[in-house]
Amino acid sequence: MSVLALNSAGSSGYGRAFSSRVRRRWGKCDLDQQLAAVDALRNEGLADERINRTAGYGGYLSAWAIGNTTAFRAAVVSAPVTSIENHFGVSDSGYYADTYSM
C-alpha cells in the first residue's frame, strides 16, 4: 500500500502566490497535478487501479475528481462546498472566502 500526500496548487504551505493558483479555477490545475502524481506511482509499480482519494478544500476536490475522471475507485467527500451561492450565504467562512476564491 502506498500513501501520497500532495501539497498541490491551492494549499497554503508555500505562500499567497502558490495558493492563489486555484482562484476561480477550483478543481482544474490541482486535479491535473494529482492525476500526474498517481500516474507516476503507477509507472513505478507503487499503485494499481485501487486508488482512493480524500480531502481537498472541504471535500470539493474529491467530489470534483470523481465527477470528472475515472482514475479513482473510491473517494471520501466530507463536508464539500457543492453550491458556492449557498456556501456564501449560510457558511461562517463563505462570506470571506468565496468572494476571493471565485
N, C-alpha and C. Protein backbone atom coordinates (compact mmCIF):
# COMPACT_ATOMS: atom_id res chain seq x y z
N MET A 1 0.84 -1.17 0.00
CA MET A 1 0.00 0.00 0.00
C MET A 1 0.89 1.24 0.00
N SER A 2 0.49 2.22 -0.78
CA SER A 2 1.20 3.50 -0.83
C SER A 2 0.25 4.61 -0.41
N VAL A 3 0.81 5.63 0.21
CA VAL A 3 0.04 6.82 0.58
C VAL A 3 0.74 8.01 -0.05
N LEU A 4 -0.02 8.81 -0.75
CA LEU A 4 0.52 10.01 -1.39
C LEU A 4 -0.16 11.22 -0.76
N ALA A 5 0.63 12.11 -0.21
CA ALA A 5 0.10 13.34 0.40
C ALA A 5 0.72 14.52 -0.33
N LEU A 6 -0.03 15.07 -1.24
CA LEU A 6 0.47 16.17 -2.07
C LEU A 6 0.21 17.53 -1.43
N ASN A 7 1.08 18.44 -1.69
CA ASN A 7 0.87 19.84 -1.35
C ASN A 7 0.61 20.54 -2.68
N SER A 8 -0.55 20.24 -3.26
CA SER A 8 -0.83 20.70 -4.62
C SER A 8 -1.27 22.15 -4.64
N ALA A 9 -1.38 22.67 -5.84
CA ALA A 9 -1.80 24.06 -6.03
C ALA A 9 -3.04 24.35 -5.20
N GLY A 10 -3.06 25.51 -4.59
CA GLY A 10 -4.20 25.90 -3.77
C GLY A 10 -3.98 25.74 -2.29
N SER A 11 -2.99 24.94 -1.89
CA SER A 11 -2.73 24.80 -0.46
C SER A 11 -1.98 26.03 0.04
N SER A 12 -1.96 26.18 1.32
CA SER A 12 -1.38 27.41 1.89
C SER A 12 0.07 27.23 2.33
N GLY A 13 0.68 26.11 2.05
CA GLY A 13 2.01 25.82 2.54
C GLY A 13 3.15 26.62 1.93
N TYR A 14 2.93 27.23 0.78
CA TYR A 14 4.03 27.92 0.10
C TYR A 14 3.70 29.38 -0.23
N GLY A 15 2.81 29.97 0.52
CA GLY A 15 2.54 31.40 0.35
C GLY A 15 1.37 31.72 -0.57
N ARG A 16 1.09 33.02 -0.68
CA ARG A 16 -0.09 33.50 -1.39
C ARG A 16 -0.07 33.17 -2.88
N ALA A 17 1.05 33.36 -3.55
CA ALA A 17 1.10 33.10 -5.00
C ALA A 17 0.79 31.63 -5.29
N PHE A 18 1.33 30.74 -4.47
CA PHE A 18 1.10 29.31 -4.65
C PHE A 18 -0.37 28.97 -4.41
N SER A 19 -0.94 29.51 -3.34
CA SER A 19 -2.32 29.18 -3.01
C SER A 19 -3.32 29.84 -3.94
N SER A 20 -2.99 30.96 -4.53
CA SER A 20 -3.96 31.63 -5.41
C SER A 20 -4.01 31.07 -6.82
N ARG A 21 -3.21 30.06 -7.12
CA ARG A 21 -3.27 29.47 -8.47
C ARG A 21 -4.61 28.81 -8.76
N VAL A 22 -5.37 28.43 -7.74
CA VAL A 22 -6.67 27.82 -7.98
C VAL A 22 -7.81 28.84 -7.92
N ARG A 23 -7.47 30.08 -7.68
CA ARG A 23 -8.51 31.11 -7.60
C ARG A 23 -9.31 31.14 -8.90
N ARG A 24 -10.62 31.05 -8.77
CA ARG A 24 -11.57 30.99 -9.89
C ARG A 24 -11.38 29.75 -10.77
N ARG A 25 -10.62 28.77 -10.28
CA ARG A 25 -10.37 27.55 -11.07
C ARG A 25 -10.37 26.32 -10.17
N TRP A 26 -11.27 26.26 -9.22
CA TRP A 26 -11.33 25.10 -8.33
C TRP A 26 -11.42 23.82 -9.14
N GLY A 27 -10.58 22.86 -8.81
CA GLY A 27 -10.62 21.55 -9.44
C GLY A 27 -9.89 21.44 -10.76
N LYS A 28 -9.37 22.51 -11.28
CA LYS A 28 -8.75 22.46 -12.61
C LYS A 28 -7.27 22.07 -12.50
N CYS A 29 -6.38 22.99 -12.16
CA CYS A 29 -4.95 22.69 -12.15
C CYS A 29 -4.55 21.73 -11.03
N ASP A 30 -5.26 21.76 -9.90
CA ASP A 30 -4.89 20.88 -8.80
C ASP A 30 -5.23 19.42 -9.09
N LEU A 31 -6.34 19.16 -9.75
CA LEU A 31 -6.66 17.78 -10.11
C LEU A 31 -5.66 17.24 -11.11
N ASP A 32 -5.27 18.05 -12.08
CA ASP A 32 -4.26 17.61 -13.06
C ASP A 32 -2.95 17.23 -12.38
N GLN A 33 -2.54 18.00 -11.38
CA GLN A 33 -1.32 17.67 -10.64
C GLN A 33 -1.47 16.34 -9.92
N GLN A 34 -2.62 16.11 -9.31
CA GLN A 34 -2.82 14.87 -8.58
C GLN A 34 -2.88 13.67 -9.51
N LEU A 35 -3.50 13.84 -10.66
CA LEU A 35 -3.54 12.74 -11.63
C LEU A 35 -2.14 12.41 -12.15
N ALA A 36 -1.31 13.41 -12.35
CA ALA A 36 0.07 13.18 -12.78
C ALA A 36 0.84 12.42 -11.70
N ALA A 37 0.60 12.74 -10.45
CA ALA A 37 1.28 12.03 -9.36
C ALA A 37 0.82 10.58 -9.28
N VAL A 38 -0.47 10.34 -9.47
CA VAL A 38 -0.99 8.96 -9.48
C VAL A 38 -0.36 8.18 -10.63
N ASP A 39 -0.26 8.79 -11.80
CA ASP A 39 0.38 8.13 -12.94
C ASP A 39 1.84 7.79 -12.63
N ALA A 40 2.54 8.68 -11.96
CA ALA A 40 3.94 8.42 -11.59
C ALA A 40 4.03 7.22 -10.65
N LEU A 41 3.12 7.14 -9.67
CA LEU A 41 3.12 5.99 -8.76
C LEU A 41 2.84 4.70 -9.51
N ARG A 42 1.92 4.75 -10.43
CA ARG A 42 1.61 3.54 -11.22
C ARG A 42 2.80 3.13 -12.08
N ASN A 43 3.44 4.10 -12.71
CA ASN A 43 4.60 3.80 -13.55
C ASN A 43 5.75 3.19 -12.76
N GLU A 44 5.85 3.52 -11.49
CA GLU A 44 6.91 2.97 -10.64
C GLU A 44 6.48 1.68 -9.94
N GLY A 45 5.26 1.23 -10.23
CA GLY A 45 4.77 -0.01 -9.63
C GLY A 45 4.34 0.13 -8.18
N LEU A 46 4.10 1.36 -7.72
CA LEU A 46 3.71 1.59 -6.34
C LEU A 46 2.21 1.71 -6.16
N ALA A 47 1.46 1.69 -7.25
CA ALA A 47 -0.01 1.78 -7.17
C ALA A 47 -0.61 1.02 -8.33
N ASP A 48 -1.81 0.51 -8.11
CA ASP A 48 -2.54 -0.14 -9.19
C ASP A 48 -3.86 0.61 -9.39
N GLU A 49 -4.89 -0.09 -9.84
CA GLU A 49 -6.15 0.59 -10.13
C GLU A 49 -6.98 0.89 -8.88
N ARG A 50 -6.57 0.40 -7.72
CA ARG A 50 -7.32 0.61 -6.49
C ARG A 50 -6.91 1.92 -5.81
N ILE A 51 -7.23 3.03 -6.45
CA ILE A 51 -6.86 4.36 -5.94
C ILE A 51 -8.06 5.00 -5.28
N ASN A 52 -7.85 5.51 -4.09
CA ASN A 52 -8.86 6.25 -3.34
C ASN A 52 -8.36 7.66 -3.13
N ARG A 53 -9.24 8.59 -2.99
CA ARG A 53 -8.81 9.95 -2.68
C ARG A 53 -9.72 10.53 -1.62
N THR A 54 -9.18 11.49 -0.90
CA THR A 54 -9.95 12.16 0.14
C THR A 54 -9.44 13.58 0.29
N ALA A 55 -10.22 14.39 0.92
CA ALA A 55 -9.88 15.79 1.24
C ALA A 55 -9.80 16.67 0.01
N GLY A 56 -9.31 17.85 0.19
CA GLY A 56 -9.24 18.84 -0.86
C GLY A 56 -10.29 19.91 -0.64
N TYR A 57 -9.94 20.95 0.00
CA TYR A 57 -10.80 22.05 0.47
C TYR A 57 -12.24 21.63 0.73
N GLY A 58 -12.37 21.00 1.89
CA GLY A 58 -13.70 20.62 2.37
C GLY A 58 -14.39 19.55 1.56
N GLY A 59 -13.67 18.71 0.87
CA GLY A 59 -14.27 17.64 0.10
C GLY A 59 -14.64 18.03 -1.32
N TYR A 60 -14.58 19.31 -1.65
CA TYR A 60 -14.93 19.74 -3.01
C TYR A 60 -14.09 19.03 -4.06
N LEU A 61 -12.79 18.97 -3.83
CA LEU A 61 -11.92 18.37 -4.84
C LEU A 61 -12.19 16.87 -5.01
N SER A 62 -12.55 16.19 -3.94
CA SER A 62 -12.91 14.77 -4.08
C SER A 62 -14.17 14.62 -4.92
N ALA A 63 -15.17 15.45 -4.67
CA ALA A 63 -16.40 15.39 -5.47
C ALA A 63 -16.12 15.75 -6.92
N TRP A 64 -15.30 16.77 -7.14
CA TRP A 64 -14.93 17.18 -8.50
C TRP A 64 -14.19 16.05 -9.22
N ALA A 65 -13.28 15.41 -8.50
CA ALA A 65 -12.45 14.36 -9.10
C ALA A 65 -13.30 13.18 -9.56
N ILE A 66 -14.21 12.70 -8.72
CA ILE A 66 -14.98 11.52 -9.13
C ILE A 66 -16.03 11.88 -10.19
N GLY A 67 -16.33 13.16 -10.33
CA GLY A 67 -17.25 13.58 -11.38
C GLY A 67 -16.56 13.92 -12.69
N ASN A 68 -15.22 14.03 -12.67
CA ASN A 68 -14.50 14.47 -13.86
C ASN A 68 -13.38 13.54 -14.32
N THR A 69 -13.22 12.41 -13.66
CA THR A 69 -12.22 11.44 -14.08
C THR A 69 -12.63 10.06 -13.57
N THR A 70 -12.11 9.04 -14.20
CA THR A 70 -12.35 7.67 -13.73
C THR A 70 -11.10 7.09 -13.08
N ALA A 71 -10.18 7.94 -12.69
CA ALA A 71 -8.90 7.49 -12.13
C ALA A 71 -9.02 6.91 -10.73
N PHE A 72 -10.10 7.22 -10.02
CA PHE A 72 -10.23 6.81 -8.63
C PHE A 72 -11.35 5.79 -8.48
N ARG A 73 -11.07 4.74 -7.74
CA ARG A 73 -12.08 3.72 -7.49
C ARG A 73 -13.04 4.16 -6.40
N ALA A 74 -12.57 4.97 -5.47
CA ALA A 74 -13.41 5.44 -4.36
C ALA A 74 -12.95 6.83 -3.95
N ALA A 75 -13.83 7.53 -3.26
CA ALA A 75 -13.48 8.86 -2.76
C ALA A 75 -14.26 9.15 -1.49
N VAL A 76 -13.65 9.88 -0.60
CA VAL A 76 -14.32 10.35 0.60
C VAL A 76 -14.62 11.83 0.38
N VAL A 77 -15.90 12.16 0.35
CA VAL A 77 -16.34 13.53 0.14
C VAL A 77 -16.92 14.01 1.46
N SER A 78 -16.13 14.76 2.20
CA SER A 78 -16.50 15.17 3.55
C SER A 78 -16.73 16.67 3.61
N ALA A 79 -17.95 17.07 3.87
CA ALA A 79 -18.33 18.48 4.02
C ALA A 79 -17.93 19.34 2.83
N PRO A 80 -18.31 18.94 1.61
CA PRO A 80 -17.89 19.72 0.45
C PRO A 80 -18.73 20.97 0.25
N VAL A 81 -18.17 21.93 -0.43
CA VAL A 81 -18.93 23.07 -0.92
C VAL A 81 -19.47 22.63 -2.27
N THR A 82 -20.76 22.36 -2.35
CA THR A 82 -21.36 21.92 -3.61
C THR A 82 -22.16 23.02 -4.28
N SER A 83 -22.41 24.07 -3.55
CA SER A 83 -23.09 25.24 -4.12
C SER A 83 -22.42 26.48 -3.55
N ILE A 84 -21.69 27.18 -4.39
CA ILE A 84 -20.95 28.35 -3.92
C ILE A 84 -21.90 29.43 -3.42
N GLU A 85 -23.08 29.54 -4.03
CA GLU A 85 -24.05 30.54 -3.59
C GLU A 85 -24.56 30.24 -2.19
N ASN A 86 -24.89 28.97 -1.93
CA ASN A 86 -25.35 28.59 -0.59
C ASN A 86 -24.23 28.72 0.43
N HIS A 87 -23.05 28.32 0.05
CA HIS A 87 -21.91 28.44 0.97
C HIS A 87 -21.68 29.90 1.34
N PHE A 88 -21.77 30.78 0.38
CA PHE A 88 -21.60 32.21 0.63
C PHE A 88 -22.66 32.71 1.61
N GLY A 89 -23.89 32.25 1.43
CA GLY A 89 -24.99 32.77 2.22
C GLY A 89 -25.13 32.20 3.61
N VAL A 90 -24.72 30.96 3.84
CA VAL A 90 -25.01 30.33 5.13
C VAL A 90 -23.78 29.86 5.91
N SER A 91 -22.62 29.87 5.30
CA SER A 91 -21.42 29.38 5.97
C SER A 91 -20.78 30.47 6.82
N ASP A 92 -20.05 30.04 7.84
CA ASP A 92 -19.31 31.02 8.64
C ASP A 92 -18.07 31.54 7.93
N SER A 93 -17.66 30.88 6.85
CA SER A 93 -16.47 31.34 6.13
C SER A 93 -16.77 31.78 4.70
N GLY A 94 -17.93 31.43 4.18
CA GLY A 94 -18.24 31.71 2.80
C GLY A 94 -18.23 33.19 2.44
N TYR A 95 -18.71 34.02 3.35
CA TYR A 95 -18.76 35.46 3.09
C TYR A 95 -17.38 36.02 2.77
N TYR A 96 -16.36 35.50 3.46
CA TYR A 96 -15.00 35.99 3.24
C TYR A 96 -14.28 35.22 2.14
N ALA A 97 -14.38 33.91 2.18
CA ALA A 97 -13.59 33.06 1.28
C ALA A 97 -14.12 33.03 -0.15
N ASP A 98 -15.42 32.96 -0.31
CA ASP A 98 -15.98 32.75 -1.65
C ASP A 98 -15.80 33.94 -2.57
N THR A 99 -15.90 35.14 -2.07
CA THR A 99 -15.72 36.30 -2.93
C THR A 99 -14.29 36.37 -3.45
N TYR A 100 -13.34 35.91 -2.66
CA TYR A 100 -11.94 35.87 -3.10
C TYR A 100 -11.70 34.68 -4.02
N SER A 101 -12.15 33.51 -3.61
CA SER A 101 -11.86 32.27 -4.32
C SER A 101 -12.53 32.19 -5.68
N MET A 102 -13.72 32.69 -5.78
CA MET A 102 -14.47 32.53 -7.01
C MET A 102 -14.65 33.85 -7.72
